């Protein structure tokens, strides 16, 4: 997905720049609906593995993929999704005694907040 994002961001012609934009309400509904459906399916399948938080882990994984798709398409809402995902991961890793991972997700959340602020500034200037 990183390669797809790099290609999409760098291979636009100068007159066809991929601009930061917002999701429409119907896009929100589609992404959330697909995410919930897939996460529930994967989460219930993961219960068979004995995972500690199978449904939560499934939701975090599925919505991380969706957030990456939003990032590739320069949708400003991707940052909100990352902030939520990162903040949910922090207590999960603390409960699992993965303190360095919890710290890493705190850093990710701070970076996502910075990304959101930067993109808000850019989108304000482009309108």
Protein backbone atom coordinates (compact mmCIF):
# COMPACT_ATOMS: atom_id res chain seq x y z
CA UNK A 1 0.00 0.00 0.00
CA UNK A 2 2.93 2.31 0.61
CA UNK A 3 4.08 1.81 -2.98
CA UNK A 4 0.59 2.56 -4.28
CA UNK A 5 0.47 5.77 -2.22
CA UNK A 6 3.93 6.87 -3.35
CA UNK A 7 3.02 6.22 -6.99
CA UNK A 8 -0.34 7.97 -6.71
CA UNK A 9 1.16 11.06 -5.03
CA UNK A 10 4.17 11.40 -7.33
CA UNK A 11 2.91 10.40 -10.77
CA UNK A 12 0.19 12.98 -11.28
CA UNK A 13 0.74 15.47 -14.06
CA UNK A 14 1.17 19.06 -12.89
CA UNK A 15 -2.36 19.96 -14.02
CA UNK A 16 -3.84 16.93 -12.24
CA UNK A 17 -2.40 17.26 -8.73
CA UNK A 18 -4.00 15.03 -6.13
CA UNK A 19 -5.44 17.60 -3.73
CA UNK A 20 -6.37 17.14 -0.08
CA UNK A 21 -10.13 16.71 0.12
CA UNK A 22 -12.91 15.57 2.43
CA UNK A 23 -15.10 12.49 2.39
CA UNK A 24 -18.72 12.86 1.40
CA UNK A 25 -21.35 11.47 3.79
CA UNK A 26 -22.12 8.52 1.50
CA UNK A 27 -18.39 7.65 1.44
CA UNK A 28 -18.34 7.70 5.25
CA UNK A 29 -21.27 5.31 5.35
CA UNK A 30 -19.67 2.97 2.81
CA UNK A 31 -16.26 2.88 4.53
CA UNK A 32 -17.73 2.39 8.00
CA UNK A 33 -20.22 -0.23 6.80
CA UNK A 34 -17.57 -2.24 4.96
CA UNK A 35 -15.16 -1.87 7.88
CA UNK A 36 -17.65 -3.07 10.49
CA UNK A 37 -18.76 -6.01 8.36
CA UNK A 38 -15.24 -7.22 7.58
CA UNK A 39 -13.99 -6.61 11.14
CA UNK A 40 -16.87 -8.57 12.67
CA UNK A 41 -16.22 -11.49 10.33
CA UNK A 42 -12.47 -11.50 11.00
CA UNK A 43 -12.96 -10.92 14.74
CA UNK A 44 -15.26 -13.91 15.14
CA UNK A 45 -12.84 -16.04 13.12
CA UNK A 46 -9.97 -14.87 15.36
CA UNK A 47 -11.91 -15.98 18.47
CA UNK A 48 -11.07 -19.52 17.42
CA UNK A 49 -7.35 -18.72 17.76
CA UNK A 50 -7.52 -17.82 21.44
CA UNK A 51 -6.50 -14.22 20.83
CA UNK A 52 -6.95 -11.96 23.87
CA UNK A 53 -8.94 -9.20 22.12
CA UNK A 54 -9.90 -10.76 18.77
CA UNK A 55 -12.72 -8.41 17.80
CA UNK A 56 -10.86 -5.26 18.88
CA UNK A 57 -7.73 -6.43 17.05
CA UNK A 58 -9.80 -7.12 13.94
CA UNK A 59 -11.36 -3.66 14.06
CA UNK A 60 -7.97 -2.00 14.50
CA UNK A 61 -6.51 -3.96 11.59
CA UNK A 62 -9.42 -3.40 9.20
CA UNK A 63 -9.77 0.28 9.99
CA UNK A 64 -5.99 0.74 9.68
CA UNK A 65 -6.25 -0.54 6.12
CA UNK A 66 -9.17 1.83 5.48
CA UNK A 67 -7.23 4.75 7.01
CA UNK A 68 -4.33 3.92 4.69
CA UNK A 69 -6.67 3.94 1.69
CA UNK A 70 -7.94 7.35 2.80
CA UNK A 71 -4.36 8.58 3.19
CA UNK A 72 -3.44 7.34 -0.30
CA UNK A 73 -6.40 9.35 -1.64
CA UNK A 74 -5.49 12.41 0.47
CA UNK A 75 -8.72 12.44 2.44
CA UNK A 76 -8.21 14.63 5.50
CA UNK A 77 -10.34 12.32 7.64
CA UNK A 78 -7.60 9.69 7.53
CA UNK A 79 -5.89 11.57 10.35
CA UNK A 80 -8.95 11.27 12.64
CA UNK A 81 -9.04 7.52 11.95
CA UNK A 82 -5.31 7.21 12.76
CA UNK A 83 -5.66 9.23 15.96
CA UNK A 84 -8.47 6.95 17.18
CA UNK A 85 -6.64 3.77 16.13
CA UNK A 86 -3.43 4.89 17.84
CA UNK A 87 -5.19 5.93 21.05
CA UNK A 88 -7.06 2.60 21.25
CA UNK A 89 -3.80 0.70 20.73
CA UNK A 90 -2.07 2.39 23.68
CA UNK A 91 -4.09 0.76 26.50
CA UNK A 92 -4.18 -2.56 24.61
CA UNK A 93 -0.39 -2.70 24.57
CA UNK A 94 -0.17 -1.56 28.19
CA UNK A 95 -2.52 -4.41 29.20
CA UNK A 96 -0.27 -6.82 27.26
CA UNK A 97 2.84 -5.34 28.92
CA UNK A 98 4.06 -4.02 25.58
CA UNK A 99 5.12 -0.68 27.01
CA UNK A 100 7.46 0.27 24.18
CA UNK A 101 4.71 -0.45 21.65
CA UNK A 102 2.34 1.71 23.70
CA UNK A 103 4.93 4.50 23.59
CA UNK A 104 5.28 4.00 19.84
CA UNK A 105 1.52 4.38 19.36
CA UNK A 106 1.57 7.52 21.53
CA UNK A 107 4.20 8.93 19.17
CA UNK A 108 2.05 7.87 16.20
CA UNK A 109 -0.95 9.66 17.72
CA UNK A 110 1.08 12.84 18.19
CA UNK A 111 2.27 12.62 14.57
CA UNK A 112 -1.30 12.05 13.38
CA UNK A 113 -2.46 15.14 15.27
CA UNK A 114 0.34 17.10 13.60
CA UNK A 115 -0.65 15.68 10.21
CA UNK A 116 -4.27 16.70 10.79
CA UNK A 117 -3.25 20.25 11.73
CA UNK A 118 -0.93 20.55 8.73
CA UNK A 119 -3.55 19.26 6.29
CA UNK A 120 -6.22 21.53 7.78
CA UNK A 121 -3.93 24.48 7.11
CA UNK A 122 -3.27 23.29 3.53
CA UNK A 123 -6.92 22.63 2.76
CA UNK A 124 -7.87 26.08 4.14
CA UNK A 125 -5.36 27.76 1.80
CA UNK A 126 -6.49 25.75 -1.23
CA UNK A 127 -10.15 26.86 -0.93
